[in-house]
Amino acid sequence: MATDLAASPQSRSIAEEAMLYLTSHHPDRGEITTDPYRFFDRLREHAPVYRTAQGPILVTSYDATQQLVKDRRWSREEMDGKEGVTPTQQIFLESLAFRDPPDHTRLRAVVSRLFTPRAVEQNRQDVSEIVQELLDGLRDRAEFDFIQDFSYKVPLRLICRLVGVPPTMEDDFLAWGEALHGSLEPLAQPADVAARREATAAECFAYFEELIKERRANPGGTDIISQLIGAAAGEITDLEIIANCMLLHSAGFSTTKNLIANGMHLLLTHPEAYDDLRANPDVIPSAIEEMLRYEGPARNSLCRIAPEEMELDGVRIHKGEHVYAILSAANRDPAVFEDPHRFDIRRGNSRHATFGGGIHMCLGASLARLEAQVAFAHLAAAPRLALNTDRVEWLGSFLTRGMAGLPVRWA
């Protein structure tokens, strides 16, 4: 089968392509990793709600993904009682992303206080200082990796400031963020990779555990943990504080890193858009919404599970079945977006599905937007960048869309 798949990708069946899409480490995945959008189009035309042979149900049309993510009857507690749950996943079960009401309602009410418009806006100056400091440090370098030297450091340094940890912890926070996000991948990973991730995630848990003890001994701080500790009795437990801090670190770091990197790659490969953005900085908010739509960092939503017999877009979903909204596919649905495979920073239609929807709508969406807006405002004013490679390597992650690296040079 592997030889056939590798030899004739154009003749693969939908079932074969779906298998490759679900298997991020498959050696014949090829174009589904580099350019999955043709597969999404074929799958949407074949069956917008498609039950794979491997079990997960994939949803590709915009309307069906909206139905799925906005209908609160679907459950997120899919791992409760499930065999093979790792220790890190068990911790994540205590976070709001994996809880249903009423626990989700309680936790979101507490955590959402950190992401009010006023709270988010207060980070603008910090983000601007971080971005400018990073760019200043790159001025004398003829070439560099945009991801390693810039895009991952923006959210990483902000997270460190928000949590209240010293810059010397950045490398640890980077390793933890990557391990935490990797543990959310729904598909089985090689045993050695999974073991390393678990060990790294355990370090993160231990650090947050000690940080909570320190903050309790010295109350009154303005960092995230101090604010969560200050919640009223019964609103949130210490384990839930740790779980939600780990979730915010994982999701906020990975999403923003890839949003800025994917967006820069789009500008570098669409020079007319890059010219427009540099000449007209007021177009940046619209450009970021198009980056989120066209090459958004969230490829699939986290799983929804049917708590009973359900129906989605006319398809019967059986109790216990797992359903994934392919957000990247929804964002290229021609029924909603005119000429969806065209990158247009002046498109204006910001109905993209990148941040999900419903009660599990991404809490950090406004912060990610702010970080990207500030980053691209500074990049628009900086000397022009150019790609320093003929081809970038896209990661095989099931949940996210991102690159392994983005070599650039000052043009």
Protein backbone atom coordinates (compact mmCIF):
# COMPACT_ATOMS: atom_id res chain seq x y z
CA MET A 1 0.00 0.00 0.00
CA ALA A 2 2.79 2.44 0.89
CA THR A 3 4.41 1.94 -2.52
CA ASP A 4 1.13 2.48 -4.35
CA LEU A 5 0.41 5.64 -2.38
CA ALA A 6 3.84 7.04 -3.08
CA ALA A 7 3.82 6.15 -6.77
CA SER A 8 0.43 7.52 -7.78
CA PRO A 9 -0.84 10.27 -5.47
CA GLN A 10 -3.32 11.50 -8.08
CA SER A 11 -5.10 8.13 -8.14
CA ARG A 12 -5.62 7.77 -4.40
CA SER A 13 -9.12 7.23 -3.13
CA ILE A 14 -10.70 9.57 -0.58
CA ALA A 15 -10.31 6.80 2.02
CA GLU A 16 -6.57 6.53 1.33
CA GLU A 17 -6.10 10.30 1.49
CA ALA A 18 -8.06 10.48 4.75
CA MET A 19 -5.84 7.79 6.24
CA LEU A 20 -2.74 9.77 5.29
CA TYR A 21 -4.24 12.96 6.71
CA LEU A 22 -4.92 11.25 10.03
CA THR A 23 -1.42 9.73 10.16
CA SER A 24 0.90 12.69 10.65
CA HIS A 25 4.07 10.55 10.62
CA HIS A 26 3.22 8.47 7.50
CA PRO A 27 6.18 8.45 5.06
CA ASP A 28 3.88 8.88 2.04
CA ARG A 29 1.94 11.85 3.41
CA GLY A 30 3.79 14.22 1.06
CA GLU A 31 1.52 16.80 -0.50
CA ILE A 32 -1.09 16.47 2.26
CA THR A 33 1.51 17.97 4.59
CA THR A 34 2.79 20.66 2.23
CA ASP A 35 -0.52 21.60 0.60
CA PRO A 36 -3.58 19.94 2.19
CA TYR A 37 -6.11 22.25 0.57
CA ARG A 38 -6.67 20.20 -2.58
CA PHE A 39 -7.48 17.22 -0.37
CA PHE A 40 -9.87 19.38 1.66
CA ASP A 41 -11.65 20.44 -1.52
CA ARG A 42 -12.00 16.84 -2.71
CA LEU A 43 -13.23 15.69 0.68
CA ARG A 44 -15.75 18.54 0.93
CA GLU A 45 -17.13 17.70 -2.51
CA HIS A 46 -17.23 13.98 -1.69
CA ALA A 47 -18.83 14.28 1.76
CA PRO A 48 -18.74 17.42 3.94
CA VAL A 49 -19.20 15.16 6.97
CA TYR A 50 -17.01 12.10 6.36
CA ARG A 51 -16.65 9.03 8.57
CA THR A 52 -13.12 7.68 8.13
CA ALA A 53 -12.19 4.00 8.27
CA GLN A 54 -9.98 4.83 11.26
CA GLY A 55 -12.96 6.15 13.25
CA PRO A 56 -12.73 9.97 13.49
CA ILE A 57 -15.33 11.93 11.53
CA LEU A 58 -13.94 14.86 9.52
CA VAL A 59 -16.05 17.96 8.80
CA THR A 60 -14.94 20.23 5.96
CA SER A 61 -17.77 22.58 4.96
CA TYR A 62 -18.07 25.97 6.63
CA ASP A 63 -21.72 25.53 7.60
CA ALA A 64 -21.19 22.08 9.13
CA THR A 65 -18.11 23.18 11.10
CA GLN A 66 -20.11 26.10 12.50
CA GLN A 67 -22.92 23.75 13.47
CA LEU A 68 -20.43 21.52 15.25
CA VAL A 69 -18.45 24.11 17.21
CA LYS A 70 -21.44 26.23 18.18
CA ASP A 71 -23.80 23.48 19.34
CA ARG A 72 -23.16 23.10 23.07
CA ARG A 73 -24.72 19.64 23.14
CA TRP A 74 -21.48 18.17 21.80
CA SER A 75 -19.10 17.09 24.55
CA ARG A 76 -15.42 17.96 25.06
CA GLU A 77 -14.87 15.46 27.86
CA GLU A 78 -13.94 12.75 25.40
CA MET A 79 -10.96 11.41 27.34
CA ASP A 80 -12.70 10.75 30.65
CA GLY A 81 -12.38 7.07 31.39
CA LYS A 82 -10.45 6.47 28.18
CA GLU A 83 -7.60 3.97 28.28
CA GLY A 84 -4.13 5.18 27.36
CA VAL A 85 -4.57 8.73 28.63
CA THR A 86 -1.12 10.13 29.45
CA PRO A 87 -0.38 11.96 32.72
CA THR A 88 -0.18 15.26 30.86
CA GLN A 89 -3.51 14.67 29.13
CA GLN A 90 -4.97 13.80 32.52
CA ILE A 91 -3.87 17.22 33.80
CA PHE A 92 -5.36 18.91 30.74
CA LEU A 93 -8.69 17.29 31.60
CA GLU A 94 -8.89 19.79 34.44
CA SER A 95 -8.69 22.77 32.06
CA LEU A 96 -11.68 24.54 30.59
CA ALA A 97 -10.91 23.26 27.06
CA PHE A 98 -11.84 19.73 28.10
CA ARG A 99 -14.81 20.42 30.35
CA ASP A 100 -18.51 20.62 29.65
CA PRO A 101 -20.97 22.84 31.54
CA PRO A 102 -21.33 23.44 34.41
CA ASP A 103 -17.57 23.03 35.09
CA HIS A 104 -16.68 24.75 31.82
CA THR A 105 -18.97 27.66 32.64
CA ARG A 106 -17.38 28.08 36.07
CA LEU A 107 -13.80 27.93 34.79
CA ARG A 108 -14.35 30.13 31.76
CA ALA A 109 -15.93 32.82 33.94
CA VAL A 110 -12.72 32.93 36.01
CA VAL A 111 -10.15 32.67 33.20
CA SER A 112 -11.98 35.05 30.86
CA ARG A 113 -11.29 37.91 33.30
CA LEU A 114 -7.70 37.77 32.08
CA PHE A 115 -8.82 38.43 28.49
CA THR A 116 -11.23 41.33 28.68
CA PRO A 117 -10.64 44.01 26.00
CA ARG A 118 -9.10 46.28 28.64
CA ALA A 119 -6.83 43.53 30.00
CA VAL A 120 -5.63 42.58 26.51
CA GLU A 121 -5.00 46.18 25.44
CA GLN A 122 -2.77 46.71 28.47
CA ASN A 123 -0.27 44.33 26.84
CA ARG A 124 0.23 46.46 23.73
CA GLN A 125 3.24 48.39 25.01
CA ASP A 126 4.91 45.23 26.33
CA VAL A 127 4.46 43.51 22.97
CA SER A 128 5.82 46.57 21.14
CA GLU A 129 8.92 46.60 23.35
CA ILE A 130 9.47 42.87 22.81
CA VAL A 131 9.10 43.12 19.02
CA GLN A 132 11.37 46.15 18.71
CA GLU A 133 14.04 44.59 20.91
CA LEU A 134 14.01 41.42 18.80
CA LEU A 135 14.23 43.34 15.51
CA ASP A 136 17.03 45.54 16.84
CA GLY A 137 18.98 42.41 17.70
CA LEU A 138 18.61 41.14 14.13
CA ARG A 139 19.65 44.32 12.30
CA ASP A 140 23.28 43.30 11.92
CA ARG A 141 22.55 39.73 10.85
CA ALA A 142 22.51 39.26 7.09
CA GLU A 143 20.26 36.21 7.39
CA PHE A 144 18.33 34.44 10.14
CA ASP A 145 15.46 32.05 10.82
CA PHE A 146 12.29 34.10 11.18
CA ILE A 147 10.65 31.50 13.41
CA GLN A 148 13.52 30.64 15.73
CA ASP A 149 14.82 34.22 15.98
CA PHE A 150 11.57 36.16 15.97
CA SER A 151 8.07 34.70 15.72
CA TYR A 152 8.31 32.19 18.56
CA LYS A 153 10.04 34.69 20.84
CA VAL A 154 7.24 37.26 20.67
CA PRO A 155 4.57 35.15 22.41
CA LEU A 156 7.16 33.36 24.53
CA ARG A 157 8.51 36.54 26.09
CA LEU A 158 5.00 37.88 26.60
CA ILE A 159 3.93 34.67 28.33
CA CYS A 160 6.92 34.89 30.63
CA ARG A 161 5.98 38.46 31.56
CA LEU A 162 2.33 37.56 32.08
CA VAL A 163 3.15 34.58 34.29
CA GLY A 164 5.87 36.51 36.07
CA VAL A 165 8.94 34.41 35.39
CA PRO A 166 12.45 35.70 34.58
CA PRO A 167 13.86 35.85 31.03
CA THR A 168 16.33 33.15 32.05
CA MET A 169 13.42 30.70 31.98
CA GLU A 170 12.66 31.30 28.29
CA ASP A 171 14.37 28.16 27.03
CA ASP A 172 12.49 26.05 29.58
CA PHE A 173 9.19 27.70 28.66
CA LEU A 174 9.88 27.05 24.98
CA ALA A 175 10.50 23.34 25.59
CA TRP A 176 7.44 23.11 27.81
CA GLY A 177 5.19 24.85 25.28
CA GLU A 178 6.23 22.51 22.48
CA ALA A 179 5.83 19.42 24.68
CA LEU A 180 2.43 20.52 25.97
CA HIS A 181 1.08 21.26 22.52
CA GLY A 182 2.43 17.97 21.19
CA SER A 183 0.61 16.08 23.93
CA LEU A 184 -2.70 17.47 22.63
CA GLU A 185 -2.23 15.71 19.28
CA PRO A 186 -5.04 13.13 19.08
CA LEU A 187 -3.03 10.54 17.16
CA ALA A 188 -0.53 8.07 18.57
CA GLN A 189 3.08 9.29 18.44
CA PRO A 190 6.28 7.20 18.41
CA ALA A 191 6.98 5.89 21.92
CA ASP A 192 10.29 7.73 22.33
CA VAL A 193 8.75 11.05 21.25
CA ALA A 194 5.79 10.59 23.60
CA ALA A 195 8.09 9.70 26.51
CA ARG A 196 10.23 12.82 26.01
CA ARG A 197 7.14 14.99 25.82
CA GLU A 198 5.74 13.53 29.03
CA ALA A 199 9.01 14.09 30.90
CA THR A 200 9.20 17.70 29.69
CA ALA A 201 5.54 18.35 30.50
CA ALA A 202 6.11 16.95 34.00
CA GLU A 203 8.77 19.63 34.52
CA CYS A 204 6.24 22.28 33.52
CA PHE A 205 3.66 20.91 35.97
CA ALA A 206 6.20 20.87 38.80
CA TYR A 207 7.26 24.46 38.05
CA PHE A 208 3.70 25.80 38.07
CA GLU A 209 3.00 23.86 41.26
CA GLU A 210 5.92 25.59 43.00
CA LEU A 211 4.95 28.94 41.51
CA ILE A 212 1.48 28.68 43.03
CA LYS A 213 3.00 27.99 46.46
CA GLU A 214 5.28 31.01 46.08
CA ARG A 215 2.42 33.28 44.97
CA ARG A 216 0.25 32.16 47.88
CA ALA A 217 3.06 33.01 50.26
CA ASN A 218 3.44 36.43 48.61
CA PRO A 219 -0.07 37.54 47.51
CA GLY A 220 -1.03 40.71 45.68
CA GLY A 221 0.84 40.27 42.41
CA THR A 222 -0.60 41.23 39.01
CA ASP A 223 0.59 38.15 37.11
CA ILE A 224 -1.84 35.52 35.78
CA ILE A 225 -1.32 33.02 38.59
CA SER A 226 -1.77 35.66 41.29
CA GLN A 227 -5.02 36.76 39.65
CA LEU A 228 -6.31 33.19 39.46
CA ILE A 229 -5.33 32.54 43.08
CA GLY A 230 -7.28 35.66 44.01
CA ALA A 231 -10.51 34.20 42.67
CA ALA A 232 -13.29 33.61 45.18
CA ALA A 233 -13.27 30.40 47.17
CA GLY A 234 -14.75 27.52 45.22
CA GLU A 235 -14.28 29.15 41.81
CA ILE A 236 -11.07 27.34 40.88
CA THR A 237 -8.80 24.74 42.48
CA ASP A 238 -5.00 24.71 42.48
CA LEU A 239 -4.95 21.81 40.02
CA GLU A 240 -7.30 23.73 37.73
CA ILE A 241 -5.03 26.78 37.96
CA ILE A 242 -2.07 24.63 36.87
CA ALA A 243 -4.07 22.94 34.11
CA ASN A 244 -5.35 26.22 32.68
CA CYS A 245 -1.93 27.89 32.89
CA MET A 246 -0.46 24.93 31.00
CA LEU A 247 -3.27 25.18 28.45
CA LEU A 248 -2.79 28.95 27.98
CA HIS A 249 0.95 28.44 27.61
CA SER A 250 0.50 25.68 25.03
CA ALA A 251 -2.29 27.19 22.96
CA GLY A 252 -1.18 30.82 23.17
CA PHE A 253 2.43 30.12 22.33
CA SER A 254 1.86 27.79 19.36
CA THR A 255 -1.03 29.71 17.80
CA THR A 256 0.65 33.12 17.85
CA LYS A 257 4.05 31.80 16.79
CA ASN A 258 2.53 30.18 13.70
CA LEU A 259 0.19 33.08 12.95
CA ILE A 260 3.13 35.50 12.70
CA ALA A 261 5.37 33.04 10.81
CA ASN A 262 2.68 31.85 8.38
CA GLY A 263 1.68 35.45 7.76
CA MET A 264 5.25 36.49 7.00
CA HIS A 265 5.64 33.56 4.63
CA LEU A 266 2.51 34.67 2.80
CA LEU A 267 3.84 38.20 2.42
CA LEU A 268 7.20 36.91 1.18
CA THR A 269 5.51 34.72 -1.43
CA HIS A 270 2.98 37.43 -2.38
CA PRO A 271 5.21 40.50 -2.92
CA GLU A 272 2.33 42.69 -4.10
CA ALA A 273 0.61 42.17 -0.73
CA TYR A 274 3.90 42.84 1.07
CA ASP A 275 4.25 46.11 -0.87
CA ASP A 276 0.69 47.09 -0.03
CA LEU A 277 1.13 46.40 3.69
CA ARG A 278 4.41 48.32 3.85
CA ALA A 279 2.93 51.31 2.06
CA ASN A 280 -0.41 51.22 3.89
CA PRO A 281 -0.03 50.07 7.52
CA ASP A 282 -3.73 50.75 8.09
CA VAL A 283 -4.45 47.54 6.15
CA ILE A 284 -2.68 45.40 8.80
CA PRO A 285 -5.84 44.38 10.76
CA SER A 286 -7.50 43.22 7.54
CA ALA A 287 -4.29 41.47 6.45
CA ILE A 288 -4.11 39.52 9.71
CA GLU A 289 -7.70 38.32 9.33
CA GLU A 290 -6.81 37.09 5.84
CA MET A 291 -3.69 35.37 7.19
CA LEU A 292 -5.89 33.66 9.76
CA ARG A 293 -8.27 32.54 7.04
CA TYR A 294 -5.85 31.58 4.30
CA GLU A 295 -3.09 29.89 6.32
CA GLY A 296 -4.39 29.93 9.87
CA PRO A 297 -2.40 28.26 12.65
CA ALA A 298 -5.35 26.12 13.79
CA ARG A 299 -5.82 23.31 11.26
CA ASN A 300 -8.44 21.29 13.15
CA SER A 301 -10.60 22.01 16.15
CA LEU A 302 -10.17 19.94 19.26
CA CYS A 303 -12.42 16.91 19.17
CA ARG A 304 -16.15 16.94 19.84
CA ILE A 305 -17.79 13.72 21.00
CA ALA A 306 -21.42 12.73 20.57
CA PRO A 307 -22.95 12.20 24.05
CA GLU A 308 -25.91 10.47 22.38
CA GLU A 309 -27.21 9.79 18.89
CA MET A 310 -26.74 13.09 17.05
CA GLU A 311 -27.17 14.48 13.54
CA LEU A 312 -24.75 16.81 11.76
CA ASP A 313 -25.56 18.19 8.32
CA GLY A 314 -27.89 15.27 7.70
CA VAL A 315 -25.40 12.61 8.80
CA ARG A 316 -26.20 10.37 11.76
CA ILE A 317 -23.45 10.47 14.40
CA HIS A 318 -23.47 7.61 16.88
CA LYS A 319 -22.97 7.97 20.62
CA GLY A 320 -19.28 8.11 21.49
CA GLU A 321 -18.03 8.97 17.99
CA HIS A 322 -15.30 11.61 17.69
CA VAL A 323 -15.82 14.52 15.29
CA TYR A 324 -13.23 17.07 14.13
CA ALA A 325 -13.98 20.34 12.38
CA ILE A 326 -11.24 20.94 9.81
CA LEU A 327 -11.04 24.70 10.29
CA SER A 328 -8.55 25.13 7.44
CA ALA A 329 -11.04 23.52 5.09
CA ALA A 330 -13.92 25.67 6.31
CA ASN A 331 -11.80 28.75 5.65
CA ARG A 332 -11.43 27.77 1.98
CA ASP A 333 -15.10 26.88 1.41
CA PRO A 334 -16.18 28.53 -1.89
CA ALA A 335 -19.76 28.67 -0.63
CA VAL A 336 -18.65 31.37 1.83
CA PHE A 337 -15.43 32.88 0.47
CA GLU A 338 -15.19 34.10 -3.12
CA ASP A 339 -12.12 32.74 -4.89
CA PRO A 340 -11.04 31.12 -1.60
CA HIS A 341 -7.57 30.03 -2.77
CA ARG A 342 -6.56 33.64 -3.49
CA PHE A 343 -4.66 35.51 -0.77
CA ASP A 344 -6.16 39.00 -0.54
CA ILE A 345 -5.24 41.22 2.41
CA ARG A 346 -8.08 43.58 1.46
CA ARG A 347 -10.71 40.83 1.31
CA GLY A 348 -12.68 42.29 4.19
CA ASN A 349 -14.66 39.08 4.94
CA SER A 350 -13.47 38.06 8.40
CA ARG A 351 -15.94 35.23 8.96
CA HIS A 352 -13.10 32.73 9.16
CA ALA A 353 -13.41 29.79 11.54
CA THR A 354 -9.82 29.81 12.83
CA PHE A 355 -10.65 30.51 16.47
CA GLY A 356 -13.54 28.04 16.60
CA GLY A 357 -16.84 29.17 18.06
CA GLY A 358 -19.51 28.61 20.66
CA ILE A 359 -18.67 28.13 24.32
CA HIS A 360 -15.17 26.89 23.40
CA MET A 361 -14.30 29.91 21.26
CA CYS A 362 -10.57 30.60 21.73
CA LEU A 363 -10.18 32.84 24.77
CA GLY A 364 -6.83 34.17 23.59
CA ALA A 365 -8.02 35.25 20.13
CA SER A 366 -7.89 38.98 20.94
CA LEU A 367 -4.40 38.67 22.45
CA ALA A 368 -3.13 36.74 19.41
CA ARG A 369 -4.54 39.44 17.13
CA LEU A 370 -2.89 42.17 19.17
CA GLU A 371 0.51 40.44 19.09
CA ALA A 372 0.25 39.94 15.32
CA GLN A 373 -0.89 43.53 14.69
CA VAL A 374 2.02 44.95 16.68
CA ALA A 375 4.52 42.55 15.09
CA PHE A 376 3.49 43.38 11.53
CA ALA A 377 3.35 47.10 12.24
CA HIS A 378 7.01 46.95 13.22
CA LEU A 379 7.87 44.63 10.33
CA ALA A 380 6.17 46.99 7.86
CA ALA A 381 8.40 49.82 9.09
CA ALA A 382 11.58 47.70 9.09
CA PRO A 383 13.80 47.04 6.06
CA ARG A 384 12.29 44.58 3.64
CA LEU A 385 12.80 40.85 4.18
CA ALA A 386 13.26 38.19 1.48
CA LEU A 387 13.01 34.41 1.53
CA ASN A 388 16.35 32.68 1.81
CA THR A 389 15.16 29.28 0.61
CA ASP A 390 13.39 27.76 -2.37
CA ARG A 391 11.14 25.61 -0.23
CA VAL A 392 10.01 25.58 3.40
CA GLU A 393 9.27 22.46 5.40
CA TRP A 394 5.72 22.22 6.75
CA LEU A 395 5.11 20.30 9.97
CA GLY A 396 2.92 17.21 9.96
CA SER A 397 0.90 18.23 13.03
CA PHE A 398 -2.77 17.22 12.96
CA LEU A 399 -3.95 20.17 15.07
CA THR A 400 -1.82 23.04 13.82
CA ARG A 401 -0.44 24.49 10.59
CA GLY A 402 3.14 25.66 10.87
CA MET A 403 6.65 25.43 9.45
CA ALA A 404 9.82 23.89 10.84
CA GLY A 405 11.74 27.01 9.88
CA LEU A 406 11.59 30.14 7.74
CA PRO A 407 15.07 31.24 6.53
CA VAL A 408 15.08 34.93 5.55
CA ARG A 409 17.52 37.71 4.77
CA TRP A 410 17.35 41.49 4.73
CA ALA A 411 16.60 42.50 1.19
